[in-house]
Protein backbone atom coordinates (compact mmCIF):
# COMPACT_ATOMS: atom_id res chain seq x y z
CA MET A 1 102.82 -43.59 170.75
CA THR A 2 104.82 -44.43 173.32
CA SER A 3 104.38 -48.75 173.45
CA GLY A 4 103.33 -50.56 171.01
CA LYS A 5 100.19 -53.32 171.15
CA THR A 6 98.83 -55.91 169.11
CA THR A 7 95.10 -55.30 168.33
CA THR A 8 92.50 -56.05 165.39
CA LEU A 9 92.36 -53.25 163.85
CA HIS A 10 89.89 -52.48 160.32
CA PRO A 11 87.17 -49.41 159.54
CA ARG A 12 84.37 -50.35 161.92
CA GLY A 13 81.91 -48.60 159.02
CA VAL A 14 81.65 -45.72 156.39
CA ASN A 15 81.91 -42.23 157.75
CA HIS A 16 80.87 -41.04 154.38
CA LEU A 17 80.85 -42.24 150.93
CA ALA A 18 80.90 -39.09 148.52
CA ILE A 19 78.59 -39.42 145.56
CA SER A 20 79.12 -37.00 142.44
CA THR A 21 76.63 -34.62 141.60
CA SER A 22 75.73 -31.91 138.86
CA ASP A 23 72.72 -31.08 140.71
CA MET A 24 72.90 -30.70 144.83
CA LYS A 25 69.68 -29.15 144.94
CA ALA A 26 67.83 -32.34 143.54
CA GLN A 27 70.26 -34.64 145.75
CA LEU A 28 69.86 -33.13 148.90
CA SER A 29 65.60 -32.97 148.01
CA PHE A 30 65.33 -36.95 147.18
CA TRP A 31 67.86 -37.65 150.14
CA THR A 32 65.80 -35.69 152.77
CA ASP A 33 62.59 -35.77 151.50
CA VAL A 34 61.98 -39.48 149.83
CA LEU A 35 64.57 -40.92 152.71
CA GLY A 36 64.02 -39.53 155.43
CA CYS A 37 67.44 -38.19 155.97
CA PRO A 38 68.18 -34.86 157.58
CA LEU A 39 70.55 -32.16 156.07
CA ARG A 40 73.70 -31.82 158.09
CA ALA A 41 76.02 -29.76 156.06
CA LEU A 42 76.59 -27.71 152.72
CA TYR A 43 79.33 -25.35 152.52
CA TRP A 44 81.90 -24.87 150.00
CA MET A 45 84.42 -27.93 149.68
CA HIS A 46 87.63 -27.40 151.51
CA GLY A 47 90.40 -26.33 149.30
CA VAL A 48 88.39 -26.80 145.88
CA ASP A 49 87.64 -23.56 144.35
CA GLY A 50 84.12 -23.30 143.29
CA CYS A 51 82.99 -26.81 144.61
CA PHE A 52 80.05 -27.45 147.14
CA HIS A 53 79.95 -30.49 149.79
CA GLY A 54 76.81 -31.52 151.17
CA PHE A 55 75.73 -34.10 153.70
CA VAL A 56 72.86 -36.03 154.59
CA GLU A 57 72.82 -38.02 157.99
CA LEU A 58 72.28 -41.81 158.39
CA ALA A 59 73.26 -42.09 161.80
CA PRO A 60 75.20 -39.25 164.05
CA ASP A 61 79.06 -41.11 162.65
CA SER A 62 77.58 -42.08 158.99
CA TYR A 63 76.95 -39.92 156.35
CA ILE A 64 76.18 -39.49 152.49
CA ALA A 65 78.11 -36.96 151.23
CA PHE A 66 77.49 -34.82 147.50
CA VAL A 67 80.10 -33.26 145.68
CA GLN A 68 78.83 -30.76 143.00
CA HIS A 69 81.79 -29.72 140.72
CA PRO A 70 81.61 -26.83 138.25
CA GLU A 71 83.29 -29.37 135.62
CA ASN A 72 81.53 -32.40 136.47
CA PRO A 73 80.39 -34.46 133.57
CA THR A 74 76.62 -34.72 133.01
CA ASP A 75 76.27 -37.45 130.57
CA ILE A 76 75.60 -40.90 131.77
CA GLU A 77 76.36 -43.89 129.80
CA VAL A 78 74.68 -47.20 131.53
CA GLY A 79 76.79 -49.68 131.73
CA VAL A 80 79.88 -47.49 131.44
CA THR A 81 79.61 -45.07 134.14
CA HIS A 82 76.32 -46.65 136.17
CA ALA A 83 75.30 -49.78 136.31
CA GLY A 84 71.72 -48.70 135.97
CA ASN A 85 70.10 -51.61 137.39
CA PRO A 86 71.31 -53.80 140.79
CA GLY A 87 72.86 -56.46 138.30
CA GLY A 88 74.18 -54.21 135.45
CA LYS A 89 77.78 -53.98 134.23
CA VAL A 90 79.72 -50.82 135.00
CA THR A 91 83.27 -49.54 134.88
CA ARG A 92 85.51 -51.23 137.19
CA GLY A 93 86.11 -49.57 140.33
CA ALA A 94 82.87 -47.79 140.30
CA MET A 95 79.76 -47.75 142.35
CA GLN A 96 77.49 -50.61 141.00
CA HIS A 97 75.07 -49.54 143.50
CA LEU A 98 74.74 -48.83 147.52
CA ALA A 99 72.63 -50.38 149.88
CA LEU A 100 71.63 -49.13 152.84
CA HIS A 101 70.51 -50.00 156.25
CA VAL A 102 67.38 -50.51 158.30
CA ASP A 103 67.45 -52.56 161.76
CA THR A 104 64.08 -54.73 161.19
CA LEU A 105 62.03 -56.11 158.60
CA ASP A 106 59.03 -54.04 159.72
CA GLU A 107 61.01 -50.93 158.96
CA LEU A 108 61.88 -52.24 155.69
CA TYR A 109 58.73 -52.54 154.62
CA ALA A 110 58.20 -49.08 155.83
CA MET A 111 60.40 -47.40 154.15
CA ARG A 112 59.29 -49.15 150.75
CA ASP A 113 55.42 -47.36 151.68
CA ARG A 114 57.76 -43.74 152.11
CA ILE A 115 59.47 -44.14 148.87
CA ARG A 116 56.73 -45.20 147.10
CA SER A 117 54.53 -42.75 148.32
CA ARG A 118 57.07 -40.13 146.95
CA ASP A 119 56.23 -41.77 143.33
CA VAL A 120 59.18 -43.49 143.10
CA HIS A 121 58.90 -47.33 142.08
CA VAL A 122 60.23 -49.66 144.14
CA LEU A 123 61.03 -53.43 143.86
CA GLY A 124 61.25 -56.04 146.77
CA PRO A 125 61.28 -57.11 149.10
CA ILE A 126 63.64 -59.57 148.08
CA ASP A 127 65.17 -62.39 150.52
CA HIS A 128 68.71 -62.83 149.60
CA GLY A 129 68.78 -65.27 152.98
CA PHE A 130 71.79 -63.11 154.88
CA ILE A 131 69.95 -59.96 153.94
CA GLN A 132 66.27 -58.73 152.66
CA SER A 133 66.29 -55.85 150.53
CA ILE A 134 64.14 -53.25 148.03
CA TYR A 135 65.47 -51.62 145.36
CA PHE A 136 64.98 -48.32 143.14
CA ALA A 137 66.59 -45.61 141.42
CA GLY A 138 67.70 -42.07 142.54
CA PRO A 139 68.74 -39.05 141.07
CA GLU A 140 71.07 -39.00 138.33
CA GLY A 141 71.29 -42.41 137.64
CA MET A 142 71.83 -43.81 141.30
CA THR A 143 70.73 -47.41 141.73
CA LEU A 144 69.93 -47.85 145.32
CA GLU A 145 68.42 -50.55 148.06
CA VAL A 146 67.59 -50.50 151.18
CA ALA A 147 68.38 -53.65 153.04
CA VAL A 148 68.08 -55.86 156.51
CA GLY A 149 71.00 -58.35 157.89
CA HIS A 150 73.96 -58.87 159.54
CA ASP A 151 76.46 -61.30 160.86
CA ILE A 152 76.87 -62.90 157.51
CA ASP A 153 78.16 -66.25 157.76
CA GLU A 154 81.26 -66.95 155.80
CA LYS A 155 81.24 -70.85 156.37
CA ALA A 156 77.37 -70.84 154.63
CA TRP A 157 78.08 -67.76 152.15
CA ILE A 158 81.74 -68.26 150.90
CA ASP A 159 81.28 -70.57 147.47
CA PRO A 160 84.34 -72.56 146.64
CA GLU A 161 83.51 -72.53 143.23
CA VAL A 162 83.25 -68.99 143.25
CA VAL A 163 86.48 -68.42 145.31
CA GLY A 164 88.32 -70.60 142.53
CA LEU A 165 87.26 -68.82 139.82
CA CYS A 166 88.66 -65.17 141.36
CA GLY A 167 92.32 -67.22 141.78
CA ILE A 168 92.12 -67.12 145.19
CA ASP A 169 94.03 -70.18 147.23
CA ASP A 170 93.12 -71.57 150.36
CA ASP A 171 96.04 -69.44 152.35
CA GLU A 172 94.95 -66.61 150.76
CA LEU A 173 91.26 -67.61 151.69
CA ARG A 174 92.29 -68.13 155.27
CA SER A 175 94.09 -64.47 155.37
CA MET A 176 90.63 -62.76 153.88
CA ILE A 177 88.44 -64.37 156.30
CA GLU A 178 91.09 -63.66 159.23
CA PRO A 179 92.97 -60.46 158.27
CA ALA A 180 96.16 -60.10 159.68
CA ASP A 181 96.29 -58.36 163.75
CA TYR A 182 98.28 -54.93 163.44
CA ARG A 183 100.86 -54.10 165.99
CA THR A 184 101.24 -50.65 166.36
CA GLY A 185 104.28 -49.27 167.12
CA ALA A 186 106.46 -46.88 169.08
CA THR A 187 106.69 -44.49 166.56
CA ARG A 188 104.63 -43.67 163.68
CA VAL A 189 104.98 -45.29 160.13
CA PRO A 190 106.74 -42.98 157.61
CA GLN A 191 104.69 -42.33 154.10
CA PRO A 192 106.37 -45.10 151.83
CA PRO A 193 109.03 -43.97 149.32
CA LEU A 194 107.51 -42.50 145.99
CA THR A 195 108.69 -45.90 144.13
CA ALA A 196 105.84 -47.39 146.40
CA SER A 197 103.89 -50.03 144.47
CA GLY A 198 100.45 -49.21 145.94
CA PRO A 199 97.35 -47.63 144.53
CA ARG A 200 97.54 -43.66 143.61
CA MET A 201 94.87 -40.87 143.57
CA ALA A 202 94.80 -39.30 140.37
CA TYR A 203 97.13 -35.85 140.55
CA SER A 204 99.39 -34.71 138.01
CA PRO A 205 103.00 -36.37 138.68
CA ALA A 206 104.35 -33.38 140.15
CA ALA A 207 101.50 -32.71 142.30
CA TYR A 208 101.30 -36.11 144.12
CA GLU A 209 104.74 -35.92 144.69
CA ARG A 210 104.78 -32.81 146.55
CA LEU A 211 101.94 -33.81 148.19
CA MET A 212 103.21 -37.15 149.26
CA SER A 213 106.45 -35.41 150.29
CA LEU A 214 104.78 -32.96 152.82
CA ASP A 215 105.59 -33.65 156.48
CA ASP A 216 102.44 -35.25 158.49
CA GLN A 217 102.55 -32.32 161.31
CA PHE A 218 102.54 -29.76 158.07
CA VAL A 219 99.54 -31.70 156.53
CA TRP A 220 97.80 -31.56 159.54
CA ASP A 221 98.74 -27.36 160.37
CA ASN A 222 98.13 -25.97 157.45
CA MET A 223 95.54 -28.24 155.01
CA SER A 224 93.23 -28.59 157.89
CA GLU A 225 89.60 -25.92 158.01
CA THR A 226 88.00 -26.13 161.42
CA THR A 227 85.76 -22.89 161.15
CA PRO A 228 82.14 -23.39 159.86
CA PRO A 229 80.89 -21.51 157.65
CA VAL A 230 78.43 -20.15 159.96
CA ALA A 231 79.27 -18.70 163.50
CA SER A 232 77.67 -20.43 166.02
């Protein structure tokens, strides 16, 4: 980096959502046959012994991934590990449900027909105002949605009552609606100190300290794995 610039910087989409599984074949069969998403990758997960990694494609830059770890727990407890339906409770930080996107209402109806043709029950469409949605179940307790809609109008859909109940004041709300621009610097930002207060990945304390103390270039050079399992 040679000079700084101010930019509206944020992720523009989901590259992949990684979902835990104990039955890779069942998940891939559902996502390829019921939902029509082509399989794009299935290989040993890099750096994790005994672990499979699979990717199905939503778009050329958007995927659903599955991680089959040999020690994945298999018990499902609705209300704790899984919500079970689009309005159910679930442990904080867990995925409540997953909504997939289509472009038109006609496509939404066609997706409903495709899913039902595979003997899966579908609820909807339901019109939520800014999106229209169908709901159904996936393997291993997943709650899924397909929706059409975009460009949500925050002036119409941010409820002042709920804002207050969430403890968000006026200044905080303005900063959430219009996040601050970011000015890139002439050099890369170094790793925060190990005493930093931000969220942490769940490694052992020793492993976390070791990993987060590594030089960025060392990580790139020594932890990357770019060779596909099948030679072209």
